Amino acid sequence: MKKALTFAAVAEASTGLALLIAPALVGQLLLGERLTGLAVPVARVAGIALVALGIACWPGPPLAGMLSYSLLVGLYLGYLGLVGGATGLLLWPAVALHLLLAALLSRVTK
């Protein structure tokens, strides 16, 4: 069971990294269509989630996966708002919520 979980963690994290680095190519290889426009940042958020899932499933504390996800998605959404021109009504509340969750999770001890 542990080997299967480790394999799954590596596979999901690898797919997540690929989505972060080359979302259009991953879309082409998986779905037969290059991702463009709004699909690119959505794919990158999915990539962050897959990396966090890989971290959570890796032997060790699942807290690390949730902390990674909250921090990275908060920072990425903030980047989209500041540099990428994103202007959605819930963008900044989502950034604040994710960064608050990351701060709270970073204070959790076992």
PDB file of N, CA and C in Angstrom:
ATOM      1  N   MET A   1       0.813  -1.196   0.000  1.00  0.00           N
ATOM      2  CA  MET A   1       0.000   0.000   0.000  1.00  0.00           C
ATOM      3  C   MET A   1       0.853   1.255   0.000  1.00  0.00           C
ATOM      4  N   LYS A   2       1.935   1.251   0.800  1.00  0.00           N
ATOM      5  CA  LYS A   2       2.790   2.434   0.896  1.00  0.00           C
ATOM      6  C   LYS A   2       3.457   2.733  -0.446  1.00  0.00           C
ATOM      7  N   LYS A   3       3.877   1.681  -1.171  1.00  0.00           N
ATOM      8  CA  LYS A   3       4.507   1.908  -2.475  1.00  0.00           C
ATOM      9  C   LYS A   3       3.514   2.485  -3.471  1.00  0.00           C
ATOM     10  N   ALA A   4       2.272   2.014  -3.431  1.00  0.00           N
ATOM     11  CA  ALA A   4       1.252   2.530  -4.345  1.00  0.00           C
ATOM     12  C   ALA A   4       0.950   3.998  -4.042  1.00  0.00           C
ATOM     13  N   LEU A   5       0.874   4.335  -2.759  1.00  0.00           N
ATOM     14  CA  LEU A   5       0.608   5.715  -2.371  1.00  0.00           C
ATOM     15  C   LEU A   5       1.765   6.635  -2.778  1.00  0.00           C
ATOM     16  N   THR A   6       2.987   6.161  -2.610  1.00  0.00           N
ATOM     17  CA  THR A   6       4.155   6.945  -3.017  1.00  0.00           C
ATOM     18  C   THR A   6       4.161   7.144  -4.531  1.00  0.00           C
ATOM     19  N   PHE A   7       3.844   6.074  -5.283  1.00  0.00           N
ATOM     20  CA  PHE A   7       3.783   6.179  -6.741  1.00  0.00           C
ATOM     21  C   PHE A   7       2.715   7.196  -7.155  1.00  0.00           C
ATOM     22  N   ALA A   8       1.541   7.115  -6.527  1.00  0.00           N
ATOM     23  CA  ALA A   8       0.463   8.054  -6.850  1.00  0.00           C
ATOM     24  C   ALA A   8       0.866   9.484  -6.518  1.00  0.00           C
ATOM     25  N   ALA A   9       1.535   9.666  -5.386  1.00  0.00           N
ATOM     26  CA  ALA A   9       1.984  11.012  -4.990  1.00  0.00           C
ATOM     27  C   ALA A   9       2.944  11.589  -6.019  1.00  0.00           C
ATOM     28  N   VAL A  10       3.893  10.788  -6.473  1.00  0.00           N
ATOM     29  CA  VAL A  10       4.866  11.244  -7.473  1.00  0.00           C
ATOM     30  C   VAL A  10       4.173  11.543  -8.800  1.00  0.00           C
ATOM     31  N   ALA A  11       3.248  10.681  -9.202  1.00  0.00           N
ATOM     32  CA  ALA A  11       2.545  10.874 -10.472  1.00  0.00           C
ATOM     33  C   ALA A  11       1.708  12.153 -10.456  1.00  0.00           C
ATOM     34  N   GLU A  12       0.954  12.370  -9.376  1.00  0.00           N
ATOM     35  CA  GLU A  12       0.115  13.570  -9.305  1.00  0.00           C
ATOM     36  C   GLU A  12       0.953  14.837  -9.219  1.00  0.00           C
ATOM     37  N   ALA A  13       2.000  14.805  -8.414  1.00  0.00           N
ATOM     38  CA  ALA A  13       2.866  15.981  -8.298  1.00  0.00           C
ATOM     39  C   ALA A  13       3.552  16.287  -9.624  1.00  0.00           C
ATOM     40  N   SER A  14       3.960  15.254 -10.340  1.00  0.00           N
ATOM     41  CA  SER A  14       4.595  15.453 -11.651  1.00  0.00           C
ATOM     42  C   SER A  14       3.626  16.081 -12.653  1.00  0.00           C
ATOM     43  N   THR A  15       2.402  15.586 -12.668  1.00  0.00           N
ATOM     44  CA  THR A  15       1.387  16.166 -13.551  1.00  0.00           C
ATOM     45  C   THR A  15       1.114  17.618 -13.156  1.00  0.00           C
ATOM     46  N   GLY A  16       1.069  17.882 -11.865  1.00  0.00           N
ATOM     47  CA  GLY A  16       0.863  19.245 -11.390  1.00  0.00           C
ATOM     48  C   GLY A  16       1.974  20.182 -11.824  1.00  0.00           C
ATOM     49  N   LEU A  17       3.212  19.717 -11.699  1.00  0.00           N
ATOM     50  CA  LEU A  17       4.347  20.544 -12.145  1.00  0.00           C
ATOM     51  C   LEU A  17       4.269  20.809 -13.643  1.00  0.00           C
ATOM     52  N   ALA A  18       3.880  19.792 -14.407  1.00  0.00           N
ATOM     53  CA  ALA A  18       3.739  19.979 -15.854  1.00  0.00           C
ATOM     54  C   ALA A  18       2.664  21.019 -16.158  1.00  0.00           C
ATOM     55  N   LEU A  19       1.552  20.978 -15.425  1.00  0.00           N
ATOM     56  CA  LEU A  19       0.504  21.977 -15.632  1.00  0.00           C
ATOM     57  C   LEU A  19       0.977  23.383 -15.263  1.00  0.00           C
ATOM     58  N   LEU A  20       1.826  23.488 -14.258  1.00  0.00           N
ATOM     59  CA  LEU A  20       2.355  24.798 -13.878  1.00  0.00           C
ATOM     60  C   LEU A  20       3.310  25.337 -14.943  1.00  0.00           C
ATOM     61  N   ILE A  21       4.131  24.475 -15.485  1.00  0.00           N
ATOM     62  CA  ILE A  21       5.182  24.899 -16.417  1.00  0.00           C
ATOM     63  C   ILE A  21       4.667  25.068 -17.842  1.00  0.00           C
ATOM     64  N   ALA A  22       3.861  24.115 -18.314  1.00  0.00           N
ATOM     65  CA  ALA A  22       3.421  24.129 -19.717  1.00  0.00           C
ATOM     66  C   ALA A  22       1.959  23.704 -19.833  1.00  0.00           C
ATOM     67  N   PRO A  23       1.036  24.525 -19.322  1.00  0.00           N
ATOM     68  CA  PRO A  23      -0.370  24.110 -19.331  1.00  0.00           C
ATOM     69  C   PRO A  23      -0.934  23.867 -20.734  1.00  0.00           C
ATOM     70  N   ALA A  24      -0.519  24.648 -21.714  1.00  0.00           N
ATOM     71  CA  ALA A  24      -1.031  24.468 -23.075  1.00  0.00           C
ATOM     72  C   ALA A  24      -0.610  23.108 -23.639  1.00  0.00           C
ATOM     73  N   LEU A  25       0.634  22.736 -23.400  1.00  0.00           N
ATOM     74  CA  LEU A  25       1.128  21.444 -23.890  1.00  0.00           C
ATOM     75  C   LEU A  25       0.425  20.285 -23.194  1.00  0.00           C
ATOM     76  N   VAL A  26       0.242  20.383 -21.883  1.00  0.00           N
ATOM     77  CA  VAL A  26      -0.450  19.317 -21.149  1.00  0.00           C
ATOM     78  C   VAL A  26      -1.883  19.185 -21.663  1.00  0.00           C
ATOM     79  N   GLY A  27      -2.535  20.301 -21.910  1.00  0.00           N
ATOM     80  CA  GLY A  27      -3.878  20.255 -22.489  1.00  0.00           C
ATOM     81  C   GLY A  27      -3.885  19.547 -23.825  1.00  0.00           C
ATOM     82  N   GLN A  28      -2.890  19.843 -24.659  1.00  0.00           N
ATOM     83  CA  GLN A  28      -2.780  19.199 -25.974  1.00  0.00           C
ATOM     84  C   GLN A  28      -2.586  17.689 -25.827  1.00  0.00           C
ATOM     85  N   LEU A  29      -1.691  17.292 -24.917  1.00  0.00           N
ATOM     86  CA  LEU A  29      -1.382  15.874 -24.753  1.00  0.00           C
ATOM     87  C   LEU A  29      -2.525  15.098 -24.090  1.00  0.00           C
ATOM     88  N   LEU A  30      -3.211  15.717 -23.144  1.00  0.00           N
ATOM     89  CA  LEU A  30      -4.280  15.008 -22.432  1.00  0.00           C
ATOM     90  C   LEU A  30      -5.628  15.103 -23.133  1.00  0.00           C
ATOM     91  N   LEU A  31      -5.948  16.280 -23.672  1.00  0.00           N
ATOM     92  CA  LEU A  31      -7.291  16.525 -24.185  1.00  0.00           C
ATOM     93  C   LEU A  31      -7.361  16.703 -25.698  1.00  0.00           C
ATOM     94  N   GLY A  32      -6.199  16.795 -26.338  1.00  0.00           N
ATOM     95  CA  GLY A  32      -6.182  16.981 -27.776  1.00  0.00           C
ATOM     96  C   GLY A  32      -6.380  18.422 -28.212  1.00  0.00           C
ATOM     97  N   GLU A  33      -6.400  19.346 -27.278  1.00  0.00           N
ATOM     98  CA  GLU A  33      -6.564  20.775 -27.565  1.00  0.00           C
ATOM     99  C   GLU A  33      -5.593  21.567 -26.707  1.00  0.00           C
ATOM    100  N   ARG A  34      -4.960  22.571 -27.300  1.00  0.00           N
ATOM    101  CA  ARG A  34      -4.082  23.445 -26.519  1.00  0.00           C
ATOM    102  C   ARG A  34      -4.950  24.345 -25.644  1.00  0.00           C
ATOM    103  N   LEU A  35      -4.558  24.515 -24.415  1.00  0.00           N
ATOM    104  CA  LEU A  35      -5.282  25.412 -23.517  1.00  0.00           C
ATOM    105  C   LEU A  35      -4.880  26.846 -23.832  1.00  0.00           C
ATOM    106  N   THR A  36      -5.863  27.723 -23.894  1.00  0.00           N
ATOM    107  CA  THR A  36      -5.602  29.131 -24.188  1.00  0.00           C
ATOM    108  C   THR A  36      -6.476  29.994 -23.287  1.00  0.00           C
ATOM    109  N   GLY A  37      -6.182  31.256 -23.258  1.00  0.00           N
ATOM    110  CA  GLY A  37      -7.006  32.223 -22.544  1.00  0.00           C
ATOM    111  C   GLY A  37      -7.161  31.897 -21.077  1.00  0.00           C
ATOM    112  N   LEU A  38      -8.380  31.945 -20.609  1.00  0.00           N
ATOM    113  CA  LEU A  38      -8.694  31.735 -19.202  1.00  0.00           C
ATOM    114  C   LEU A  38      -8.366  30.315 -18.730  1.00  0.00           C
ATOM    115  N   ALA A  39      -8.300  29.359 -19.650  1.00  0.00           N
ATOM    116  CA  ALA A  39      -7.992  27.978 -19.274  1.00  0.00           C
ATOM    117  C   ALA A  39      -6.577  27.844 -18.705  1.00  0.00           C
ATOM    118  N   VAL A  40      -5.663  28.724 -19.086  1.00  0.00           N
ATOM    119  CA  VAL A  40      -4.274  28.623 -18.623  1.00  0.00           C
ATOM    120  C   VAL A  40      -4.163  28.873 -17.119  1.00  0.00           C
ATOM    121  N   PRO A  41      -4.683  29.991 -16.573  1.00  0.00           N
ATOM    122  CA  PRO A  41      -4.580  30.148 -15.115  1.00  0.00           C
ATOM    123  C   PRO A  41      -5.392  29.109 -14.347  1.00  0.00           C
ATOM    124  N   VAL A  42      -6.515  28.670 -14.896  1.00  0.00           N
ATOM    125  CA  VAL A  42      -7.299  27.621 -14.235  1.00  0.00           C
ATOM    126  C   VAL A  42      -6.485  26.327 -14.186  1.00  0.00           C
ATOM    127  N   ALA A  43      -5.796  26.011 -15.274  1.00  0.00           N
ATOM    128  CA  ALA A  43      -4.953  24.815 -15.303  1.00  0.00           C
ATOM    129  C   ALA A  43      -3.800  24.932 -14.312  1.00  0.00           C
ATOM    130  N   ARG A  44      -3.261  26.119 -14.160  1.00  0.00           N
ATOM    131  CA  ARG A  44      -2.162  26.305 -13.195  1.00  0.00           C
ATOM    132  C   ARG A  44      -2.654  26.142 -11.756  1.00  0.00           C
ATOM    133  N   VAL A  45      -3.855  26.618 -11.453  1.00  0.00           N
ATOM    134  CA  VAL A  45      -4.417  26.387 -10.117  1.00  0.00           C
ATOM    135  C   VAL A  45      -4.625  24.883  -9.906  1.00  0.00           C
ATOM    136  N   ALA A  46      -5.099  24.195 -10.937  1.00  0.00           N
ATOM    137  CA  ALA A  46      -5.231  22.736 -10.843  1.00  0.00           C
ATOM    138  C   ALA A  46      -3.861  22.089 -10.637  1.00  0.00           C
ATOM    139  N   GLY A  47      -2.835  22.633 -11.294  1.00  0.00           N
ATOM    140  CA  GLY A  47      -1.477  22.127 -11.105  1.00  0.00           C
ATOM    141  C   GLY A  47      -1.003  22.299  -9.677  1.00  0.00           C
ATOM    142  N   ILE A  48      -1.288  23.444  -9.085  1.00  0.00           N
ATOM    143  CA  ILE A  48      -0.937  23.682  -7.683  1.00  0.00           C
ATOM    144  C   ILE A  48      -1.652  22.659  -6.804  1.00  0.00           C
ATOM    145  N   ALA A  49      -2.927  22.415  -7.098  1.00  0.00           N
ATOM    146  CA  ALA A  49      -3.695  21.447  -6.310  1.00  0.00           C
ATOM    147  C   ALA A  49      -3.104  20.047  -6.436  1.00  0.00           C
ATOM    148  N   LEU A  50      -2.669  19.664  -7.628  1.00  0.00           N
ATOM    149  CA  LEU A  50      -2.078  18.333  -7.802  1.00  0.00           C
ATOM    150  C   LEU A  50      -0.733  18.213  -7.093  1.00  0.00           C
ATOM    151  N   VAL A  51       0.059  19.266  -7.113  1.00  0.00           N
ATOM    152  CA  VAL A  51       1.325  19.239  -6.367  1.00  0.00           C
ATOM    153  C   VAL A  51       1.030  19.092  -4.874  1.00  0.00           C
ATOM    154  N   ALA A  52       0.061  19.844  -4.381  1.00  0.00           N
ATOM    155  CA  ALA A  52      -0.306  19.752  -2.966  1.00  0.00           C
ATOM    156  C   ALA A  52      -0.850  18.366  -2.628  1.00  0.00           C
ATOM    157  N   LEU A  53      -1.629  17.786  -3.533  1.00  0.00           N
ATOM    158  CA  LEU A  53      -2.126  16.426  -3.315  1.00  0.00           C
ATOM    159  C   LEU A  53      -0.971  15.445  -3.237  1.00  0.00           C
ATOM    160  N   GLY A  54       0.003  15.609  -4.112  1.00  0.00           N
ATOM    161  CA  GLY A  54       1.190  14.761  -4.061  1.00  0.00           C
ATOM    162  C   GLY A  54       1.934  14.901  -2.745  1.00  0.00           C
ATOM    163  N   ILE A  55       2.055  16.123  -2.259  1.00  0.00           N
ATOM    164  CA  ILE A  55       2.721  16.356  -0.969  1.00  0.00           C
ATOM    165  C   ILE A  55       1.912  15.726   0.162  1.00  0.00           C
ATOM    166  N   ALA A  56       0.588  15.876   0.104  1.00  0.00           N
ATOM    167  CA  ALA A  56      -0.268  15.327   1.163  1.00  0.00           C
ATOM    168  C   ALA A  56      -0.227  13.802   1.185  1.00  0.00           C
ATOM    169  N   CYS A  57      -0.067  13.190   0.024  1.00  0.00           N
ATOM    170  CA  CYS A  57      -0.055  11.725  -0.050  1.00  0.00           C
ATOM    171  C   CYS A  57       1.331  11.140   0.171  1.00  0.00           C
ATOM    172  N   TRP A  58       2.342  11.966   0.114  1.00  0.00           N
ATOM    173  CA  TRP A  58       3.702  11.495   0.361  1.00  0.00           C
ATOM    174  C   TRP A  58       3.799  11.068   1.822  1.00  0.00           C
ATOM    175  N   PRO A  59       4.554  10.044   2.101  1.00  0.00           N
ATOM    176  CA  PRO A  59       4.682   9.665   3.515  1.00  0.00           C
ATOM    177  C   PRO A  59       5.151  10.855   4.351  1.00  0.00           C
ATOM    178  N   GLY A  60       4.322  11.244   5.255  1.00  0.00           N
ATOM    179  CA  GLY A  60       4.569  12.407   6.088  1.00  0.00           C
ATOM    180  C   GLY A  60       3.252  13.053   6.430  1.00  0.00           C
ATOM    181  N   PRO A  61       3.263  14.220   7.024  1.00  0.00           N
ATOM    182  CA  PRO A  61       2.017  14.836   7.476  1.00  0.00           C
ATOM    183  C   PRO A  61       1.198  15.425   6.321  1.00  0.00           C
ATOM    184  N   PRO A  62      -0.106  15.092   6.241  1.00  0.00           N
ATOM    185  CA  PRO A  62      -0.973  15.680   5.209  1.00  0.00           C
ATOM    186  C   PRO A  62      -1.100  17.193   5.344  1.00  0.00           C
ATOM    187  N   LEU A  63      -0.834  17.712   6.537  1.00  0.00           N
ATOM    188  CA  LEU A  63      -0.887  19.148   6.768  1.00  0.00           C
ATOM    189  C   LEU A  63      -0.005  19.899   5.773  1.00  0.00           C
ATOM    190  N   ALA A  64       1.120  19.310   5.420  1.00  0.00           N
ATOM    191  CA  ALA A  64       2.036  19.962   4.475  1.00  0.00           C
ATOM    192  C   ALA A  64       1.361  20.188   3.125  1.00  0.00           C
ATOM    193  N   GLY A  65       0.522  19.258   2.697  1.00  0.00           N
ATOM    194  CA  GLY A  65      -0.181  19.415   1.424  1.00  0.00           C
ATOM    195  C   GLY A  65      -1.175  20.555   1.458  1.00  0.00           C
ATOM    196  N   MET A  66      -1.958  20.653   2.518  1.00  0.00           N
ATOM    197  CA  MET A  66      -2.934  21.735   2.626  1.00  0.00           C
ATOM    198  C   MET A  66      -2.247  23.081   2.787  1.00  0.00           C
ATOM    199  N   LEU A  67      -1.175  23.112   3.554  1.00  0.00           N
ATOM    200  CA  LEU A  67      -0.424  24.358   3.711  1.00  0.00           C
ATOM    201  C   LEU A  67       0.159  24.790   2.368  1.00  0.00           C
ATOM    202  N   SER A  68       0.747  23.854   1.644  1.00  0.00           N
ATOM    203  CA  SER A  68       1.312  24.164   0.318  1.00  0.00           C
ATOM    204  C   SER A  68       0.241  24.715  -0.614  1.00  0.00           C
ATOM    205  N   TYR A  69      -0.911  24.044  -0.656  1.00  0.00           N
ATOM    206  CA  TYR A  69      -1.978  24.482  -1.543  1.00  0.00           C
ATOM    207  C   TYR A  69      -2.454  25.889  -1.184  1.00  0.00           C
ATOM    208  N   SER A  70      -2.767  26.102   0.077  1.00  0.00           N
ATOM    209  CA  SER A  70      -3.300  27.406   0.480  1.00  0.00           C
ATOM    210  C   SER A  70      -2.317  28.532   0.193  1.00  0.00           C
ATOM    211  N   LEU A  71      -1.062  28.325   0.535  1.00  0.00           N
ATOM    212  CA  LEU A  71      -0.052  29.355   0.315  1.00  0.00           C
ATOM    213  C   LEU A  71       0.178  29.609  -1.175  1.00  0.00           C
ATOM    214  N   LEU A  72       0.394  28.537  -1.940  1.00  0.00           N
ATOM    215  CA  LEU A  72       0.720  28.708  -3.360  1.00  0.00           C
ATOM    216  C   LEU A  72      -0.452  29.270  -4.161  1.00  0.00           C
ATOM    217  N   VAL A  73      -1.667  28.783  -3.906  1.00  0.00           N
ATOM    218  CA  VAL A  73      -2.800  29.303  -4.676  1.00  0.00           C
ATOM    219  C   VAL A  73      -3.102  30.746  -4.262  1.00  0.00           C
ATOM    220  N   GLY A  74      -2.913  31.079  -2.995  1.00  0.00           N
ATOM    221  CA  GLY A  74      -3.085  32.470  -2.566  1.00  0.00           C
ATOM    222  C   GLY A  74      -2.095  33.393  -3.259  1.00  0.00           C
ATOM    223  N   LEU A  75      -0.842  32.974  -3.302  1.00  0.00           N
ATOM    224  CA  LEU A  75       0.183  33.786  -3.968  1.00  0.00           C
ATOM    225  C   LEU A  75      -0.068  33.888  -5.474  1.00  0.00           C
ATOM    226  N   TYR A  76      -0.455  32.772  -6.098  1.00  0.00           N
ATOM    227  CA  TYR A  76      -0.685  32.790  -7.545  1.00  0.00           C
ATOM    228  C   TYR A  76      -1.890  33.664  -7.898  1.00  0.00           C
ATOM    229  N   LEU A  77      -2.975  33.536  -7.148  1.00  0.00           N
ATOM    230  CA  LEU A  77      -4.133  34.388  -7.423  1.00  0.00           C
ATOM    231  C   LEU A  77      -3.800  35.857  -7.203  1.00  0.00           C
ATOM    232  N   GLY A  78      -3.011  36.153  -6.168  1.00  0.00           N
ATOM    233  CA  GLY A  78      -2.566  37.525  -5.950  1.00  0.00           C
ATOM    234  C   GLY A  78      -1.727  38.032  -7.109  1.00  0.00           C
ATOM    235  N   TYR A  79      -0.851  37.179  -7.613  1.00  0.00           N
ATOM    236  CA  TYR A  79      -0.040  37.529  -8.782  1.00  0.00           C
ATOM    237  C   TYR A  79      -0.940  37.839  -9.977  1.00  0.00           C
ATOM    238  N   LEU A  80      -1.967  36.991 -10.193  1.00  0.00           N
ATOM    239  CA  LEU A  80      -2.886  37.236 -11.312  1.00  0.00           C
ATOM    240  C   LEU A  80      -3.601  38.572 -11.157  1.00  0.00           C
ATOM    241  N   GLY A  81      -3.920  38.931  -9.934  1.00  0.00           N
ATOM    242  CA  GLY A  81      -4.592  40.208  -9.705  1.00  0.00           C
ATOM    243  C   GLY A  81      -3.683  41.400  -9.899  1.00  0.00           C
ATOM    244  N   LEU A  82      -2.434  41.275  -9.469  1.00  0.00           N
ATOM    245  CA  LEU A  82      -1.505  42.410  -9.553  1.00  0.00           C
ATOM    246  C   LEU A  82      -0.857  42.554 -10.923  1.00  0.00           C
ATOM    247  N   VAL A  83      -0.480  41.435 -11.511  1.00  0.00           N
ATOM    248  CA  VAL A  83       0.302  41.484 -12.755  1.00  0.00           C
ATOM    249  C   VAL A  83      -0.496  40.989 -13.958  1.00  0.00           C
ATOM    250  N   GLY A  84      -1.366  40.025 -13.728  1.00  0.00           N
ATOM    251  CA  GLY A  84      -2.070  39.398 -14.842  1.00  0.00           C
ATOM    252  C   GLY A  84      -3.353  40.071 -15.268  1.00  0.00           C
ATOM    253  N   GLY A  85      -3.776  41.075 -14.540  1.00  0.00           N
ATOM    254  CA  GLY A  85      -4.968  41.804 -14.935  1.00  0.00           C
ATOM    255  C   GLY A  85      -6.283  41.149 -14.547  1.00  0.00           C
ATOM    256  N   ALA A  86      -6.260  40.132 -13.694  1.00  0.00           N
ATOM    257  CA  ALA A  86      -7.503  39.500 -13.250  1.00  0.00           C
ATOM    258  C   ALA A  86      -8.287  40.482 -12.382  1.00  0.00           C
ATOM    259  N   THR A  87      -9.601  40.533 -12.569  1.00  0.00           N
ATOM    260  CA  THR A  87     -10.417  41.524 -11.855  1.00  0.00           C
ATOM    261  C   THR A  87     -11.708  40.935 -11.298  1.00  0.00           C
ATOM    262  N   GLY A  88     -11.781  39.629 -11.121  1.00  0.00           N
ATOM    263  CA  GLY A  88     -13.016  39.016 -10.636  1.00  0.00           C
ATOM    264  C   GLY A  88     -13.430  39.549  -9.272  1.00  0.00           C
ATOM    265  N   LEU A  89     -14.715  39.594  -9.037  1.00  0.00           N
ATOM    266  CA  LEU A  89     -15.277  40.129  -7.807  1.00  0.00           C
ATOM    267  C   LEU A  89     -14.753  39.401  -6.568  1.00  0.00           C
ATOM    268  N   LEU A  90     -14.547  38.103  -6.660  1.00  0.00           N
ATOM    269  CA  LEU A  90     -14.105  37.321  -5.509  1.00  0.00           C
ATOM    270  C   LEU A  90     -12.601  37.056  -5.481  1.00  0.00           C
ATOM    271  N   LEU A  91     -11.859  37.667  -6.409  1.00  0.00           N
ATOM    272  CA  LEU A  91     -10.417  37.407  -6.459  1.00  0.00           C
ATOM    273  C   LEU A  91      -9.722  37.771  -5.154  1.00  0.00           C
ATOM    274  N   TRP A  92      -9.864  39.005  -4.699  1.00  0.00           N
ATOM    275  CA  TRP A  92      -9.130  39.432  -3.509  1.00  0.00           C
ATOM    276  C   TRP A  92      -9.643  38.783  -2.228  1.00  0.00           C
ATOM    277  N   PRO A  93     -10.953  38.556  -2.088  1.00  0.00           N
ATOM    278  CA  PRO A  93     -11.373  37.761  -0.930  1.00  0.00           C
ATOM    279  C   PRO A  93     -10.788  36.341  -0.950  1.00  0.00           C
ATOM    280  N   ALA A  94     -10.684  35.739  -2.140  1.00  0.00           N
ATOM    281  CA  ALA A  94     -10.086  34.400  -2.238  1.00  0.00           C
ATOM    282  C   ALA A  94      -8.605  34.437  -1.869  1.00  0.00           C
ATOM    283  N   VAL A  95      -7.894  35.470  -2.323  1.00  0.00           N
ATOM    284  CA  VAL A  95      -6.478  35.623  -1.969  1.00  0.00           C
ATOM    285  C   VAL A  95      -6.347  35.731  -0.448  1.00  0.00           C
ATOM    286  N   ALA A  96      -7.152  36.599   0.139  1.00  0.00           N
ATOM    287  CA  ALA A  96      -7.087  36.801   1.591  1.00  0.00           C
ATOM    288  C   ALA A  96      -7.425  35.521   2.342  1.00  0.00           C
ATOM    289  N   LEU A  97      -8.453  34.804   1.900  1.00  0.00           N
ATOM    290  CA  LEU A  97      -8.855  33.572   2.567  1.00  0.00           C
ATOM    291  C   LEU A  97      -7.750  32.526   2.504  1.00  0.00           C
ATOM    292  N   HIS A  98      -7.153  32.339   1.322  1.00  0.00           N
ATOM    293  CA  HIS A  98      -6.092  31.338   1.183  1.00  0.00           C
ATOM    294  C   HIS A  98      -4.858  31.701   2.007  1.00  0.00           C
ATOM    295  N   LEU A  99      -4.497  32.969   2.019  1.00  0.00           N
ATOM    296  CA  LEU A  99      -3.330  33.366   2.809  1.00  0.00           C
ATOM    297  C   LEU A  99      -3.616  33.287   4.309  1.00  0.00           C
ATOM    298  N   LEU A 100      -4.855  33.582   4.702  1.00  0.00           N
ATOM    299  CA  LEU A 100      -5.233  33.408   6.102  1.00  0.00           C
ATOM    300  C   LEU A 100      -5.189  31.929   6.494  1.00  0.00           C
ATOM    301  N   LEU A 101      -5.734  31.069   5.633  1.00  0.00           N
ATOM    302  CA  LEU A 101      -5.680  29.630   5.904  1.00  0.00           C
ATOM    303  C   LEU A 101      -4.234  29.151   6.002  1.00  0.00           C
ATOM    304  N   ALA A 102      -3.386  29.636   5.109  1.00  0.00           N
ATOM    305  CA  ALA A 102      -1.964  29.245   5.155  1.00  0.00           C
ATOM    306  C   ALA A 102      -1.339  29.687   6.475  1.00  0.00           C
ATOM    307  N   ALA A 103      -1.654  30.898   6.913  1.00  0.00           N
ATOM    308  CA  ALA A 103      -1.100  31.378   8.190  1.00  0.00           C
ATOM    309  C   ALA A 103      -1.595  30.526   9.344  1.00  0.00           C
ATOM    310  N   LEU A 104      -2.886  30.198   9.343  1.00  0.00           N
ATOM    311  CA  LEU A 104      -3.438  29.364  10.399  1.00  0.00           C
ATOM    312  C   LEU A 104      -2.839  27.961  10.372  1.00  0.00           C
ATOM    313  N   LEU A 105      -2.717  27.384   9.170  1.00  0.00           N
ATOM    314  CA  LEU A 105      -2.147  26.039   9.053  1.00  0.00           C
ATOM    315  C   LEU A 105      -0.686  26.006   9.458  1.00  0.00           C
ATOM    316  N   SER A 106       0.027  27.100   9.228  1.00  0.00           N
ATOM    317  CA  SER A 106       1.443  27.125   9.582  1.00  0.00           C
ATOM    318  C   SER A 106       1.634  27.134  11.100  1.00  0.00           C
ATOM    319  N   ARG A 107       0.588  27.494  11.825  1.00  0.00           N
ATOM    320  CA  ARG A 107       0.666  27.543  13.288  1.00  0.00           C
ATOM    321  C   ARG A 107       0.211  26.237  13.934  1.00  0.00           C
ATOM    322  N   VAL A 108      -0.340  25.319  13.134  1.00  0.00           N
ATOM    323  CA  VAL A 108      -0.820  24.041  13.667  1.00  0.00           C
ATOM    324  C   VAL A 108       0.371  23.167  14.008  1.00  0.00           C
ATOM    325  N   THR A 109       0.326  22.593  15.191  1.00  0.00           N
ATOM    326  CA  THR A 109       1.379  21.652  15.600  1.00  0.00           C
ATOM    327  C   THR A 109       0.739  20.327  15.894  1.00  0.00           C
ATOM    328  N   LYS A 110       1.519  19.285  15.750  1.00  0.00           N
ATOM    329  CA  LYS A 110       1.015  17.945  16.055  1.00  0.00           C
ATOM    330  C   LYS A 110       1.173  17.634  17.498  1.00  0.00           C
TER     331      LYS A 110
END
